[in-house]
N, C-alpha and C. Protein backbone atom coordinates (compact mmCIF):
# COMPACT_ATOMS: atom_id res chain seq x y z
N UNK A 1 17.11 74.51 71.39
CA UNK A 1 18.09 74.01 72.32
C UNK A 1 17.39 73.60 73.61
N UNK A 2 17.56 72.35 73.97
CA UNK A 2 16.90 71.82 75.15
C UNK A 2 17.55 72.40 76.40
N UNK A 3 16.72 73.06 77.23
CA UNK A 3 17.23 73.63 78.47
C UNK A 3 16.54 73.02 79.70
N UNK A 4 15.45 72.29 79.45
CA UNK A 4 14.73 71.62 80.54
C UNK A 4 14.81 70.13 80.28
N UNK A 5 15.36 69.39 81.22
CA UNK A 5 15.54 67.95 81.05
C UNK A 5 14.60 67.24 82.02
N UNK A 6 13.69 66.48 81.45
CA UNK A 6 12.68 65.77 82.22
C UNK A 6 12.75 64.29 81.89
N UNK A 7 12.20 63.43 82.75
CA UNK A 7 12.11 62.01 82.39
C UNK A 7 11.30 61.85 81.10
N UNK A 8 11.60 60.83 80.33
CA UNK A 8 10.98 60.64 79.02
C UNK A 8 9.45 60.60 79.10
N UNK A 9 8.91 59.88 80.07
CA UNK A 9 7.45 59.79 80.20
C UNK A 9 6.81 61.14 80.45
N UNK A 10 7.43 61.94 81.28
CA UNK A 10 6.92 63.28 81.59
C UNK A 10 7.04 64.20 80.37
N UNK A 11 8.12 64.05 79.62
CA UNK A 11 8.31 64.85 78.41
C UNK A 11 7.21 64.54 77.39
N UNK A 12 6.91 63.27 77.21
CA UNK A 12 5.85 62.88 76.27
C UNK A 12 4.50 63.41 76.75
N UNK A 13 4.23 63.28 78.03
CA UNK A 13 2.97 63.80 78.58
C UNK A 13 2.88 65.31 78.37
N UNK A 14 3.98 66.00 78.59
CA UNK A 14 4.00 67.45 78.41
C UNK A 14 3.71 67.83 76.96
N UNK A 15 4.22 67.05 76.02
CA UNK A 15 3.93 67.32 74.60
C UNK A 15 2.43 67.22 74.34
N UNK A 16 1.78 66.21 74.92
CA UNK A 16 0.34 66.04 74.73
C UNK A 16 -0.47 67.13 75.43
N UNK A 17 0.10 67.75 76.42
CA UNK A 17 -0.59 68.84 77.13
C UNK A 17 -0.35 70.18 76.44
N UNK A 18 0.88 70.41 76.00
CA UNK A 18 1.25 71.71 75.43
C UNK A 18 0.58 71.97 74.08
N UNK A 19 0.49 70.94 73.21
CA UNK A 19 -0.10 71.17 71.89
C UNK A 19 -1.52 71.72 71.96
N UNK A 20 -2.41 71.09 72.70
CA UNK A 20 -3.77 71.66 72.77
C UNK A 20 -3.79 73.08 73.34
N UNK A 21 -2.94 73.34 74.30
CA UNK A 21 -2.88 74.69 74.88
C UNK A 21 -2.47 75.70 73.81
N UNK A 22 -1.46 75.37 73.01
CA UNK A 22 -1.00 76.27 71.96
C UNK A 22 -2.07 76.48 70.90
N UNK A 23 -2.78 75.42 70.54
CA UNK A 23 -3.80 75.54 69.50
C UNK A 23 -5.01 76.32 69.99
N UNK A 24 -5.40 76.09 71.22
CA UNK A 24 -6.52 76.86 71.78
C UNK A 24 -6.13 78.32 71.93
N UNK A 25 -4.89 78.57 72.29
CA UNK A 25 -4.40 79.95 72.41
C UNK A 25 -4.48 80.67 71.07
N UNK A 26 -4.08 80.00 70.00
CA UNK A 26 -4.18 80.60 68.66
C UNK A 26 -5.63 80.94 68.34
N UNK A 27 -6.55 80.04 68.67
CA UNK A 27 -7.97 80.28 68.42
C UNK A 27 -8.49 81.44 69.26
N UNK A 28 -8.09 81.49 70.52
CA UNK A 28 -8.54 82.58 71.40
C UNK A 28 -8.03 83.94 70.91
N UNK A 29 -6.79 83.98 70.48
CA UNK A 29 -6.22 85.23 69.96
C UNK A 29 -7.04 85.71 68.77
N UNK A 30 -7.30 84.82 67.83
CA UNK A 30 -8.00 85.22 66.60
C UNK A 30 -9.47 85.54 66.84
N UNK A 31 -10.09 84.89 67.79
CA UNK A 31 -11.50 85.21 68.05
C UNK A 31 -11.65 86.54 68.76
N UNK A 32 -10.58 87.03 69.35
CA UNK A 32 -10.65 88.31 70.04
C UNK A 32 -10.16 89.48 69.19
N UNK A 33 -9.58 89.17 68.05
CA UNK A 33 -9.14 90.23 67.15
C UNK A 33 -10.35 90.84 66.45
N UNK A 34 -10.32 92.14 66.18
CA UNK A 34 -11.43 92.76 65.46
C UNK A 34 -11.58 92.18 64.05
N UNK A 35 -12.80 92.22 63.55
CA UNK A 35 -13.10 91.67 62.23
C UNK A 35 -12.28 92.30 61.12
N UNK A 36 -11.82 93.53 61.30
CA UNK A 36 -11.07 94.20 60.23
C UNK A 36 -9.75 93.48 59.90
N UNK A 37 -9.28 92.60 60.79
CA UNK A 37 -8.07 91.84 60.53
C UNK A 37 -8.30 90.68 59.57
N UNK A 38 -9.56 90.42 59.23
CA UNK A 38 -9.91 89.25 58.44
C UNK A 38 -10.68 89.63 57.18
N UNK A 39 -10.14 90.56 56.43
CA UNK A 39 -10.76 91.02 55.19
C UNK A 39 -10.36 90.08 54.06
N UNK A 40 -11.32 89.40 53.48
CA UNK A 40 -11.02 88.40 52.44
C UNK A 40 -10.38 89.01 51.20
N UNK A 41 -10.47 90.31 51.03
CA UNK A 41 -9.85 90.97 49.87
C UNK A 41 -8.39 91.34 50.14
N UNK A 42 -7.94 91.21 51.38
CA UNK A 42 -6.55 91.54 51.72
C UNK A 42 -5.61 90.55 51.04
N UNK A 43 -4.41 90.98 50.76
CA UNK A 43 -3.43 90.17 50.04
C UNK A 43 -3.26 88.78 50.65
N UNK A 44 -3.17 88.71 51.95
CA UNK A 44 -2.90 87.43 52.62
C UNK A 44 -4.01 86.41 52.37
N UNK A 45 -5.24 86.86 52.33
CA UNK A 45 -6.38 85.95 52.24
C UNK A 45 -6.90 85.72 50.83
N UNK A 46 -6.70 86.66 49.94
CA UNK A 46 -7.29 86.50 48.61
C UNK A 46 -6.54 85.41 47.83
N UNK A 47 -7.25 84.84 46.87
CA UNK A 47 -6.65 83.80 46.03
C UNK A 47 -5.60 84.44 45.12
N UNK A 48 -4.44 83.84 45.08
CA UNK A 48 -3.36 84.35 44.25
C UNK A 48 -3.40 83.64 42.89
N UNK A 49 -2.74 84.23 41.93
CA UNK A 49 -2.79 83.73 40.56
C UNK A 49 -2.43 82.24 40.50
N UNK A 50 -1.39 81.83 41.21
CA UNK A 50 -0.95 80.43 41.15
C UNK A 50 -1.98 79.46 41.73
N UNK A 51 -2.90 79.98 42.56
CA UNK A 51 -3.94 79.11 43.14
C UNK A 51 -5.11 78.89 42.18
N UNK A 52 -5.18 79.70 41.13
CA UNK A 52 -6.23 79.56 40.12
C UNK A 52 -7.61 79.50 40.79
N UNK A 53 -7.88 80.51 41.62
CA UNK A 53 -9.15 80.60 42.36
C UNK A 53 -9.44 79.34 43.18
N UNK A 54 -8.40 78.74 43.72
CA UNK A 54 -8.55 77.59 44.59
C UNK A 54 -8.57 76.26 43.87
N UNK A 55 -8.64 76.28 42.54
CA UNK A 55 -8.74 75.04 41.78
C UNK A 55 -7.48 74.19 41.85
N UNK A 56 -6.35 74.80 42.14
CA UNK A 56 -5.12 74.00 42.25
C UNK A 56 -5.24 72.97 43.37
N UNK A 57 -6.00 73.30 44.41
CA UNK A 57 -6.16 72.38 45.53
C UNK A 57 -7.01 71.18 45.13
N UNK A 58 -7.91 71.36 44.21
CA UNK A 58 -8.70 70.24 43.71
C UNK A 58 -7.88 69.42 42.72
N UNK A 59 -7.16 70.09 41.83
CA UNK A 59 -6.39 69.39 40.81
C UNK A 59 -5.27 68.54 41.42
N UNK A 60 -4.55 69.12 42.37
CA UNK A 60 -3.37 68.44 42.91
C UNK A 60 -3.66 67.61 44.16
N UNK A 61 -4.62 68.07 44.97
CA UNK A 61 -4.83 67.42 46.27
C UNK A 61 -6.21 66.79 46.43
N UNK A 62 -7.09 66.96 45.44
CA UNK A 62 -8.45 66.41 45.50
C UNK A 62 -9.17 66.79 46.77
N UNK A 63 -9.09 68.08 47.11
CA UNK A 63 -9.63 68.58 48.37
C UNK A 63 -11.13 68.29 48.52
N UNK A 64 -11.85 68.27 47.44
CA UNK A 64 -13.29 68.04 47.51
C UNK A 64 -13.62 66.68 48.12
N UNK A 65 -12.73 65.72 47.95
CA UNK A 65 -12.96 64.37 48.48
C UNK A 65 -12.81 64.28 49.99
N UNK A 66 -11.87 65.04 50.56
CA UNK A 66 -11.56 64.84 51.98
C UNK A 66 -11.93 66.00 52.89
N UNK A 67 -12.29 67.14 52.35
CA UNK A 67 -12.55 68.30 53.22
C UNK A 67 -13.74 68.07 54.15
N UNK A 68 -14.68 67.22 53.75
CA UNK A 68 -15.85 66.95 54.58
C UNK A 68 -15.48 66.25 55.90
N UNK A 69 -14.31 65.65 55.95
CA UNK A 69 -13.88 64.94 57.15
C UNK A 69 -13.14 65.83 58.16
N UNK A 70 -12.86 67.06 57.77
CA UNK A 70 -12.16 67.98 58.66
C UNK A 70 -13.11 68.47 59.75
N UNK A 71 -12.60 68.66 60.96
CA UNK A 71 -13.45 69.22 62.01
C UNK A 71 -13.75 70.69 61.74
N UNK A 72 -14.87 71.15 62.24
CA UNK A 72 -15.25 72.56 62.10
C UNK A 72 -15.22 73.18 63.49
N UNK A 73 -14.21 73.99 63.75
CA UNK A 73 -14.06 74.61 65.06
C UNK A 73 -15.21 75.52 65.43
N UNK A 74 -15.90 76.05 64.44
CA UNK A 74 -17.03 76.93 64.72
C UNK A 74 -18.14 76.21 65.45
N UNK A 75 -18.23 74.89 65.26
CA UNK A 75 -19.27 74.13 65.94
C UNK A 75 -18.89 73.80 67.38
N UNK A 76 -17.65 74.01 67.75
CA UNK A 76 -17.19 73.69 69.09
C UNK A 76 -17.40 74.82 70.08
N UNK A 77 -17.60 76.02 69.57
CA UNK A 77 -17.70 77.21 70.41
C UNK A 77 -19.14 77.71 70.41
N UNK A 78 -19.63 78.03 71.59
CA UNK A 78 -20.97 78.59 71.67
C UNK A 78 -21.02 79.90 70.88
N UNK A 79 -21.97 80.00 69.98
CA UNK A 79 -22.08 81.19 69.15
C UNK A 79 -21.11 81.19 67.99
N UNK A 80 -20.38 80.08 67.79
CA UNK A 80 -19.43 80.00 66.70
C UNK A 80 -20.14 79.86 65.36
N UNK A 81 -19.42 80.15 64.31
CA UNK A 81 -19.98 80.11 62.96
C UNK A 81 -19.49 78.84 62.27
N UNK A 82 -20.41 77.97 61.92
CA UNK A 82 -20.05 76.73 61.25
C UNK A 82 -19.82 76.99 59.76
N UNK A 83 -18.71 76.46 59.25
CA UNK A 83 -18.35 76.68 57.86
C UNK A 83 -18.47 75.43 57.01
N UNK A 84 -18.84 74.33 57.63
CA UNK A 84 -18.89 73.07 56.90
C UNK A 84 -19.95 73.07 55.80
N UNK A 85 -21.10 73.67 56.10
CA UNK A 85 -22.19 73.78 55.12
C UNK A 85 -22.79 75.16 55.21
N UNK A 86 -23.10 75.72 54.07
CA UNK A 86 -23.77 77.02 54.05
C UNK A 86 -25.23 76.82 54.44
N UNK A 87 -25.67 77.56 55.44
CA UNK A 87 -27.06 77.44 55.86
C UNK A 87 -27.96 78.39 55.07
N UNK A 88 -27.35 79.40 54.45
CA UNK A 88 -28.12 80.38 53.70
C UNK A 88 -27.22 81.05 52.67
N UNK A 89 -27.83 81.43 51.57
CA UNK A 89 -27.10 82.15 50.53
C UNK A 89 -27.40 83.65 50.59
N UNK A 90 -27.93 84.09 51.71
CA UNK A 90 -28.15 85.53 51.92
C UNK A 90 -26.80 86.23 52.01
N UNK A 91 -26.76 87.48 51.57
CA UNK A 91 -25.51 88.24 51.54
C UNK A 91 -24.85 88.32 52.91
N UNK A 92 -25.64 88.57 53.96
CA UNK A 92 -25.06 88.66 55.31
C UNK A 92 -24.38 87.35 55.71
N UNK A 93 -25.00 86.23 55.40
CA UNK A 93 -24.43 84.94 55.75
C UNK A 93 -23.17 84.66 54.95
N UNK A 94 -23.17 85.00 53.67
CA UNK A 94 -21.98 84.81 52.84
C UNK A 94 -20.83 85.70 53.30
N UNK A 95 -21.15 86.94 53.65
CA UNK A 95 -20.11 87.84 54.18
C UNK A 95 -19.54 87.29 55.48
N UNK A 96 -20.40 86.78 56.34
CA UNK A 96 -19.95 86.19 57.61
C UNK A 96 -19.08 84.96 57.34
N UNK A 97 -19.48 84.17 56.35
CA UNK A 97 -18.69 83.00 55.99
C UNK A 97 -17.28 83.41 55.57
N UNK A 98 -17.19 84.43 54.71
CA UNK A 98 -15.88 84.90 54.24
C UNK A 98 -15.02 85.38 55.40
N UNK A 99 -15.62 86.14 56.29
CA UNK A 99 -14.90 86.63 57.46
C UNK A 99 -14.39 85.47 58.32
N UNK A 100 -15.28 84.54 58.63
CA UNK A 100 -14.89 83.42 59.50
C UNK A 100 -13.94 82.45 58.80
N UNK A 101 -14.00 82.39 57.49
CA UNK A 101 -13.05 81.58 56.75
C UNK A 101 -11.64 82.15 56.89
N UNK A 102 -11.53 83.46 56.81
CA UNK A 102 -10.23 84.12 57.00
C UNK A 102 -9.74 83.92 58.43
N UNK A 103 -10.65 84.05 59.37
CA UNK A 103 -10.28 83.86 60.78
C UNK A 103 -9.77 82.43 61.00
N UNK A 104 -10.48 81.45 60.44
CA UNK A 104 -10.08 80.05 60.59
C UNK A 104 -8.70 79.81 59.97
N UNK A 105 -8.48 80.39 58.81
CA UNK A 105 -7.17 80.22 58.18
C UNK A 105 -6.07 80.78 59.08
N UNK A 106 -6.28 81.97 59.61
CA UNK A 106 -5.26 82.57 60.48
C UNK A 106 -5.04 81.73 61.74
N UNK A 107 -6.10 81.20 62.31
CA UNK A 107 -5.95 80.34 63.49
C UNK A 107 -5.01 79.18 63.16
N UNK A 108 -5.21 78.56 62.02
CA UNK A 108 -4.38 77.41 61.68
C UNK A 108 -2.94 77.80 61.34
N UNK A 109 -2.74 78.94 60.72
CA UNK A 109 -1.36 79.40 60.50
C UNK A 109 -0.67 79.66 61.84
N UNK A 110 -1.38 80.33 62.75
CA UNK A 110 -0.79 80.61 64.07
C UNK A 110 -0.56 79.35 64.88
N UNK A 111 -1.38 78.33 64.67
CA UNK A 111 -1.21 77.08 65.40
C UNK A 111 0.02 76.30 64.93
N UNK A 112 0.50 76.59 63.73
CA UNK A 112 1.72 75.93 63.24
C UNK A 112 2.97 76.55 63.87
N UNK A 113 2.96 77.86 64.00
CA UNK A 113 4.17 78.59 64.39
C UNK A 113 4.86 78.15 65.68
N UNK A 114 4.16 77.79 66.75
CA UNK A 114 4.89 77.52 68.00
C UNK A 114 5.50 76.12 68.11
N UNK A 115 5.70 75.41 67.01
CA UNK A 115 6.31 74.08 67.07
C UNK A 115 7.68 74.12 67.75
N UNK A 116 8.38 75.22 67.63
CA UNK A 116 9.73 75.35 68.17
C UNK A 116 9.77 75.35 69.70
N UNK A 117 8.62 75.64 70.33
CA UNK A 117 8.55 75.67 71.80
C UNK A 117 8.99 74.34 72.40
N UNK A 118 8.73 73.26 71.67
CA UNK A 118 9.06 71.93 72.19
C UNK A 118 10.56 71.72 72.30
N UNK A 119 11.34 72.55 71.63
CA UNK A 119 12.78 72.46 71.73
C UNK A 119 13.31 72.78 73.11
N UNK A 120 12.52 73.46 73.92
CA UNK A 120 12.95 73.78 75.28
C UNK A 120 13.02 72.56 76.18
N UNK A 121 12.19 71.54 75.89
CA UNK A 121 12.14 70.41 76.82
C UNK A 121 12.20 69.04 76.12
N UNK A 122 12.53 69.04 74.84
CA UNK A 122 12.70 67.77 74.12
C UNK A 122 14.04 67.78 73.39
N UNK A 123 14.54 66.61 73.02
CA UNK A 123 15.77 66.57 72.22
C UNK A 123 15.56 67.29 70.88
N UNK A 124 16.60 67.83 70.30
CA UNK A 124 16.48 68.64 69.08
C UNK A 124 15.73 67.96 67.93
N UNK A 125 15.89 66.67 67.74
CA UNK A 125 15.21 65.99 66.63
C UNK A 125 13.69 66.07 66.75
N UNK A 126 13.19 66.16 67.95
CA UNK A 126 11.75 66.20 68.18
C UNK A 126 11.12 67.46 67.57
N UNK A 127 11.88 68.52 67.47
CA UNK A 127 11.36 69.76 66.87
C UNK A 127 10.89 69.49 65.44
N UNK A 128 11.63 68.67 64.71
CA UNK A 128 11.22 68.34 63.34
C UNK A 128 9.93 67.53 63.33
N UNK A 129 9.80 66.62 64.29
CA UNK A 129 8.55 65.84 64.40
C UNK A 129 7.38 66.77 64.73
N UNK A 130 7.63 67.74 65.57
CA UNK A 130 6.56 68.66 65.95
C UNK A 130 6.18 69.57 64.78
N UNK A 131 7.15 69.97 63.97
CA UNK A 131 6.84 70.74 62.77
C UNK A 131 5.99 69.90 61.82
N UNK A 132 6.40 68.66 61.62
CA UNK A 132 5.64 67.76 60.75
C UNK A 132 4.21 67.59 61.28
N UNK A 133 4.07 67.39 62.58
CA UNK A 133 2.75 67.25 63.18
C UNK A 133 1.92 68.51 62.96
N UNK A 134 2.50 69.67 63.24
CA UNK A 134 1.78 70.94 63.09
C UNK A 134 1.32 71.15 61.66
N UNK A 135 2.16 70.84 60.71
CA UNK A 135 1.79 70.98 59.30
C UNK A 135 0.71 69.97 58.92
N UNK A 136 0.86 68.73 59.37
CA UNK A 136 -0.11 67.69 59.01
C UNK A 136 -1.50 67.98 59.58
N UNK A 137 -1.55 68.56 60.75
CA UNK A 137 -2.83 68.85 61.39
C UNK A 137 -3.46 70.13 60.85
N UNK A 138 -2.67 71.13 60.57
CA UNK A 138 -3.21 72.45 60.23
C UNK A 138 -3.30 72.76 58.75
N UNK A 139 -2.37 72.27 57.94
CA UNK A 139 -2.40 72.62 56.52
C UNK A 139 -3.67 72.13 55.80
N UNK A 140 -4.18 70.95 56.10
CA UNK A 140 -5.45 70.58 55.44
C UNK A 140 -6.57 71.58 55.71
N UNK A 141 -6.61 72.14 56.90
CA UNK A 141 -7.64 73.13 57.22
C UNK A 141 -7.40 74.44 56.47
N UNK A 142 -6.16 74.84 56.36
CA UNK A 142 -5.81 76.04 55.58
C UNK A 142 -6.19 75.83 54.12
N UNK A 143 -5.85 74.66 53.59
CA UNK A 143 -6.15 74.36 52.19
C UNK A 143 -7.66 74.39 51.94
N UNK A 144 -8.42 73.82 52.84
CA UNK A 144 -9.89 73.82 52.68
C UNK A 144 -10.43 75.25 52.66
N UNK A 145 -9.90 76.12 53.51
CA UNK A 145 -10.36 77.51 53.51
C UNK A 145 -9.98 78.21 52.21
N UNK A 146 -8.77 77.96 51.75
CA UNK A 146 -8.30 78.62 50.53
C UNK A 146 -8.99 78.05 49.28
N UNK A 147 -9.51 76.85 49.38
CA UNK A 147 -10.28 76.26 48.28
C UNK A 147 -11.71 76.81 48.27
N UNK A 148 -12.33 76.89 49.43
CA UNK A 148 -13.73 77.31 49.52
C UNK A 148 -13.94 78.81 49.31
N UNK A 149 -13.05 79.62 49.86
CA UNK A 149 -13.27 81.06 49.86
C UNK A 149 -13.46 81.66 48.46
N UNK A 150 -12.63 81.33 47.47
CA UNK A 150 -12.86 81.93 46.14
C UNK A 150 -14.22 81.55 45.55
N UNK A 151 -14.71 80.38 45.88
CA UNK A 151 -16.03 79.97 45.39
C UNK A 151 -17.12 80.85 46.00
N UNK A 152 -16.98 81.17 47.27
CA UNK A 152 -17.97 82.05 47.92
C UNK A 152 -17.83 83.48 47.39
N UNK A 153 -16.59 83.92 47.17
CA UNK A 153 -16.37 85.26 46.62
C UNK A 153 -17.06 85.38 45.26
N UNK A 154 -16.99 84.35 44.44
CA UNK A 154 -17.66 84.38 43.14
C UNK A 154 -19.18 84.49 43.30
N UNK A 155 -19.75 83.80 44.27
CA UNK A 155 -21.18 83.88 44.52
C UNK A 155 -21.56 85.30 44.93
N UNK A 156 -20.78 85.88 45.83
CA UNK A 156 -21.04 87.25 46.29
C UNK A 156 -20.94 88.23 45.12
N UNK A 157 -19.93 88.05 44.29
CA UNK A 157 -19.73 88.97 43.15
C UNK A 157 -20.89 88.86 42.16
N UNK A 158 -21.38 87.64 41.93
CA UNK A 158 -22.50 87.46 41.02
C UNK A 158 -23.78 88.12 41.54
N UNK A 159 -23.93 88.12 42.85
CA UNK A 159 -25.12 88.71 43.45
C UNK A 159 -25.01 90.23 43.54
N UNK A 160 -23.79 90.71 43.37
CA UNK A 160 -23.51 92.13 43.24
C UNK A 160 -23.86 92.97 44.40
């Protein structure tokens, strides 16, 4: 429900300002949470039966073709962990990859949730546009994490 009425130009400008703030806030929250919140074996992060170890994303969405074009937030932060390419197959690096993959997934889920905030200062129909935008920007990143993680888990399991 719109409770703040602003001129159209200012409302549009505010949308362009608020989205990055919300997305950076989601990233800051997740980077400050302890690592125990990002256990790849936890129900939320592990591959579920219907995902077929992530293969559903390749079969239905051809994720392998487009995932290379997604930005890697780990490269934007000093000391961040890049997930675009594995630099090492050492156990410590693979474990770190799994942890940061879970963290990245959570960041993108949290970045979707505040779409409703725009309802305070935009007409009601805009909330649907903001939901569509949030899903379009964040779901590809979630899908890439859910596709890659089971493959890394298999490597870790094979190395025992």
